[in-house]
């Protein structure tokens, strides 16, 4: 698991964790196509 994933999982609620995990799995599961991290499924301001 990457550092950013560990960091995000540390303070987000369970539903948000599932959304992030789903987005990551989607990006890995489709070869040649990466979904943007935390795009539509979880609106989140970029720091």
PDB file of N, CA and C in Angstrom:
ATOM      1  N   UNK A   1       0.849  -1.198   0.000  1.00  0.00           N
ATOM      2  CA  UNK A   1       0.000   0.000   0.000  1.00  0.00           C
ATOM      3  C   UNK A   1       0.884   1.246   0.000  1.00  0.00           C
ATOM      4  N   UNK A   2       0.505   2.223  -0.762  1.00  0.00           N
ATOM      5  CA  UNK A   2       1.320   3.431  -0.850  1.00  0.00           C
ATOM      6  C   UNK A   2       1.159   4.297   0.388  1.00  0.00           C
ATOM      7  N   UNK A   3       2.085   5.227   0.551  1.00  0.00           N
ATOM      8  CA  UNK A   3       2.027   6.108   1.719  1.00  0.00           C
ATOM      9  C   UNK A   3       0.771   6.966   1.695  1.00  0.00           C
ATOM     10  N   UNK A   4       0.406   7.476   0.508  1.00  0.00           N
ATOM     11  CA  UNK A   4      -0.772   8.358   0.445  1.00  0.00           C
ATOM     12  C   UNK A   4      -2.045   7.585   0.762  1.00  0.00           C
ATOM     13  N   UNK A   5      -2.113   6.340   0.345  1.00  0.00           N
ATOM     14  CA  UNK A   5      -3.290   5.535   0.661  1.00  0.00           C
ATOM     15  C   UNK A   5      -3.379   5.288   2.164  1.00  0.00           C
ATOM     16  N   UNK A   6      -2.245   4.981   2.767  1.00  0.00           N
ATOM     17  CA  UNK A   6      -2.223   4.771   4.214  1.00  0.00           C
ATOM     18  C   UNK A   6      -2.627   6.043   4.932  1.00  0.00           C
ATOM     19  N   UNK A   7      -2.112   7.152   4.464  1.00  0.00           N
ATOM     20  CA  UNK A   7      -2.416   8.449   5.080  1.00  0.00           C
ATOM     21  C   UNK A   7      -3.898   8.766   4.966  1.00  0.00           C
ATOM     22  N   UNK A   8      -4.467   8.548   3.778  1.00  0.00           N
ATOM     23  CA  UNK A   8      -5.884   8.842   3.580  1.00  0.00           C
ATOM     24  C   UNK A   8      -6.763   7.895   4.396  1.00  0.00           C
ATOM     25  N   UNK A   9      -6.407   6.619   4.421  1.00  0.00           N
ATOM     26  CA  UNK A   9      -7.213   5.653   5.146  1.00  0.00           C
ATOM     27  C   UNK A   9      -7.221   5.949   6.642  1.00  0.00           C
ATOM     28  N   UNK A  10      -6.218   6.662   7.110  1.00  0.00           N
ATOM     29  CA  UNK A  10      -6.090   6.900   8.543  1.00  0.00           C
ATOM     30  C   UNK A  10      -7.193   7.807   9.084  1.00  0.00           C
ATOM     31  N   UNK A  11      -7.689   8.725   8.265  1.00  0.00           N
ATOM     32  CA  UNK A  11      -8.640   9.698   8.817  1.00  0.00           C
ATOM     33  C   UNK A  11      -9.980   9.744   8.095  1.00  0.00           C
ATOM     34  N   UNK A  12     -10.209   8.865   7.133  1.00  0.00           N
ATOM     35  CA  UNK A  12     -11.482   8.880   6.417  1.00  0.00           C
ATOM     36  C   UNK A  12     -12.425   7.812   6.977  1.00  0.00           C
ATOM     37  N   UNK A  13     -13.713   8.058   6.820  1.00  0.00           N
ATOM     38  CA  UNK A  13     -14.693   7.103   7.326  1.00  0.00           C
ATOM     39  C   UNK A  13     -14.786   5.876   6.415  1.00  0.00           C
ATOM     40  N   UNK A  14     -15.525   4.886   6.858  1.00  0.00           N
ATOM     41  CA  UNK A  14     -15.571   3.606   6.154  1.00  0.00           C
ATOM     42  C   UNK A  14     -16.108   3.721   4.731  1.00  0.00           C
ATOM     43  N   UNK A  15     -17.145   4.514   4.539  1.00  0.00           N
ATOM     44  CA  UNK A  15     -17.723   4.646   3.198  1.00  0.00           C
ATOM     45  C   UNK A  15     -16.706   5.257   2.241  1.00  0.00           C
ATOM     46  N   UNK A  16     -15.997   6.271   2.710  1.00  0.00           N
ATOM     47  CA  UNK A  16     -14.998   6.921   1.865  1.00  0.00           C
ATOM     48  C   UNK A  16     -13.851   5.970   1.567  1.00  0.00           C
ATOM     49  N   UNK A  17     -13.476   5.158   2.547  1.00  0.00           N
ATOM     50  CA  UNK A  17     -12.430   4.163   2.316  1.00  0.00           C
ATOM     51  C   UNK A  17     -12.826   3.234   1.177  1.00  0.00           C
ATOM     52  N   UNK A  18     -14.101   2.796   1.197  1.00  0.00           N
ATOM     53  CA  UNK A  18     -14.563   1.896   0.135  1.00  0.00           C
ATOM     54  C   UNK A  18     -14.522   2.584  -1.222  1.00  0.00           C
ATOM     55  N   UNK A  19     -14.896   3.865  -1.259  1.00  0.00           N
ATOM     56  CA  UNK A  19     -14.871   4.599  -2.526  1.00  0.00           C
ATOM     57  C   UNK A  19     -13.449   4.698  -3.066  1.00  0.00           C
ATOM     58  N   UNK A  20     -12.515   5.002  -2.183  1.00  0.00           N
ATOM     59  CA  UNK A  20     -11.115   5.108  -2.607  1.00  0.00           C
ATOM     60  C   UNK A  20     -10.617   3.756  -3.097  1.00  0.00           C
ATOM     61  N   UNK A  21     -10.922   2.714  -2.320  1.00  0.00           N
ATOM     62  CA  UNK A  21     -10.462   1.380  -2.692  1.00  0.00           C
ATOM     63  C   UNK A  21     -11.038   0.982  -4.042  1.00  0.00           C
ATOM     64  N   UNK A  22     -12.322   1.317  -4.282  1.00  0.00           N
ATOM     65  CA  UNK A  22     -12.972   0.992  -5.547  1.00  0.00           C
ATOM     66  C   UNK A  22     -12.300   1.737  -6.701  1.00  0.00           C
ATOM     67  N   UNK A  23     -11.985   3.002  -6.475  1.00  0.00           N
ATOM     68  CA  UNK A  23     -11.343   3.794  -7.525  1.00  0.00           C
ATOM     69  C   UNK A  23      -9.960   3.243  -7.846  1.00  0.00           C
ATOM     70  N   UNK A  24      -9.226   2.846  -6.808  1.00  0.00           N
ATOM     71  CA  UNK A  24      -7.894   2.284  -7.023  1.00  0.00           C
ATOM     72  C   UNK A  24      -7.995   0.964  -7.776  1.00  0.00           C
ATOM     73  N   UNK A  25      -8.921   0.097  -7.347  1.00  0.00           N
ATOM     74  CA  UNK A  25      -9.083  -1.196  -8.004  1.00  0.00           C
ATOM     75  C   UNK A  25      -9.512  -1.019  -9.457  1.00  0.00           C
ATOM     76  N   UNK A  26     -10.371  -0.040  -9.706  1.00  0.00           N
ATOM     77  CA  UNK A  26     -10.820   0.226 -11.065  1.00  0.00           C
ATOM     78  C   UNK A  26      -9.627   0.618 -11.939  1.00  0.00           C
ATOM     79  N   UNK A  27      -8.760   1.449 -11.387  1.00  0.00           N
ATOM     80  CA  UNK A  27      -7.592   1.890 -12.136  1.00  0.00           C
ATOM     81  C   UNK A  27      -6.644   0.747 -12.431  1.00  0.00           C
ATOM     82  N   UNK A  28      -6.538  -0.195 -11.487  1.00  0.00           N
ATOM     83  CA  UNK A  28      -5.640  -1.329 -11.685  1.00  0.00           C
ATOM     84  C   UNK A  28      -6.267  -2.368 -12.606  1.00  0.00           C
ATOM     85  N   UNK A  29      -7.596  -2.536 -12.493  1.00  0.00           N
ATOM     86  CA  UNK A  29      -8.271  -3.625 -13.189  1.00  0.00           C
ATOM     87  C   UNK A  29      -8.383  -3.381 -14.693  1.00  0.00           C
ATOM     88  N   UNK A  30      -8.361  -2.129 -15.126  1.00  0.00           N
ATOM     89  CA  UNK A  30      -8.514  -1.828 -16.549  1.00  0.00           C
ATOM     90  C   UNK A  30      -7.147  -1.465 -17.133  1.00  0.00           C
ATOM     91  N   UNK A  31      -6.507  -2.384 -17.860  1.00  0.00           N
ATOM     92  CA  UNK A  31      -5.178  -2.109 -18.399  1.00  0.00           C
ATOM     93  C   UNK A  31      -5.209  -0.954 -19.396  1.00  0.00           C
ATOM     94  N   UNK A  32      -4.246  -0.059 -19.274  1.00  0.00           N
ATOM     95  CA  UNK A  32      -4.149   1.052 -20.211  1.00  0.00           C
ATOM     96  C   UNK A  32      -5.034   2.224 -19.866  1.00  0.00           C
ATOM     97  N   UNK A  33      -5.839   2.103 -18.809  1.00  0.00           N
ATOM     98  CA  UNK A  33      -6.706   3.210 -18.431  1.00  0.00           C
ATOM     99  C   UNK A  33      -6.681   3.384 -16.926  1.00  0.00           C
ATOM    100  N   UNK A  34      -6.253   4.559 -16.480  1.00  0.00           N
ATOM    101  CA  UNK A  34      -6.193   4.832 -15.051  1.00  0.00           C
ATOM    102  C   UNK A  34      -7.252   5.862 -14.695  1.00  0.00           C
ATOM    103  N   UNK A  35      -8.120   5.534 -13.738  1.00  0.00           N
ATOM    104  CA  UNK A  35      -9.106   6.523 -13.303  1.00  0.00           C
ATOM    105  C   UNK A  35      -8.413   7.526 -12.392  1.00  0.00           C
ATOM    106  N   UNK A  36      -8.748   8.805 -12.496  1.00  0.00           N
ATOM    107  CA  UNK A  36      -8.134   9.804 -11.626  1.00  0.00           C
ATOM    108  C   UNK A  36      -8.465   9.501 -10.170  1.00  0.00           C
ATOM    109  N   UNK A  37      -7.484   9.633  -9.306  1.00  0.00           N
ATOM    110  CA  UNK A  37      -7.690   9.343  -7.893  1.00  0.00           C
ATOM    111  C   UNK A  37      -8.694  10.319  -7.307  1.00  0.00           C
ATOM    112  N   UNK A  38      -9.721   9.773  -6.654  1.00  0.00           N
ATOM    113  CA  UNK A  38     -10.739  10.594  -5.986  1.00  0.00           C
ATOM    114  C   UNK A  38     -11.363  11.595  -6.950  1.00  0.00           C
ATOM    115  N   UNK A  39     -11.892  11.104  -8.044  1.00  0.00           N
ATOM    116  CA  UNK A  39     -12.458  12.017  -9.038  1.00  0.00           C
ATOM    117  C   UNK A  39     -13.921  12.310  -8.731  1.00  0.00           C
ATOM    118  N   UNK A  40     -14.854  11.613  -9.411  1.00  0.00           N
ATOM    119  CA  UNK A  40     -16.275  11.898  -9.200  1.00  0.00           C
ATOM    120  C   UNK A  40     -16.816  11.194  -7.962  1.00  0.00           C
ATOM    121  N   UNK A  41     -16.251  10.043  -7.635  1.00  0.00           N
ATOM    122  CA  UNK A  41     -16.808   9.256  -6.543  1.00  0.00           C
ATOM    123  C   UNK A  41     -16.608   9.945  -5.198  1.00  0.00           C
ATOM    124  N   UNK A  42     -15.530  10.707  -5.075  1.00  0.00           N
ATOM    125  CA  UNK A  42     -15.274  11.385  -3.813  1.00  0.00           C
ATOM    126  C   UNK A  42     -14.731  12.782  -4.072  1.00  0.00           C
ATOM    127  N   UNK A  43     -15.585  13.795  -4.110  1.00  0.00           N
ATOM    128  CA  UNK A  43     -15.099  15.164  -4.295  1.00  0.00           C
ATOM    129  C   UNK A  43     -14.188  15.543  -3.139  1.00  0.00           C
ATOM    130  N   UNK A  44     -12.958  15.904  -3.461  1.00  0.00           N
ATOM    131  CA  UNK A  44     -11.989  16.184  -2.402  1.00  0.00           C
ATOM    132  C   UNK A  44     -11.019  17.235  -2.906  1.00  0.00           C
ATOM    133  N   UNK A  45     -10.856  18.326  -2.186  1.00  0.00           N
ATOM    134  CA  UNK A  45      -9.936  19.375  -2.637  1.00  0.00           C
ATOM    135  C   UNK A  45      -8.502  18.873  -2.642  1.00  0.00           C
ATOM    136  N   UNK A  46      -7.764  19.249  -3.639  1.00  0.00           N
ATOM    137  CA  UNK A  46      -6.362  18.849  -3.706  1.00  0.00           C
ATOM    138  C   UNK A  46      -5.512  19.837  -2.924  1.00  0.00           C
ATOM    139  N   UNK A  47      -4.673  19.317  -2.030  1.00  0.00           N
ATOM    140  CA  UNK A  47      -3.807  20.159  -1.216  1.00  0.00           C
ATOM    141  C   UNK A  47      -2.599  20.547  -1.986  1.00  0.00           C
TER     142      UNK A  47
END
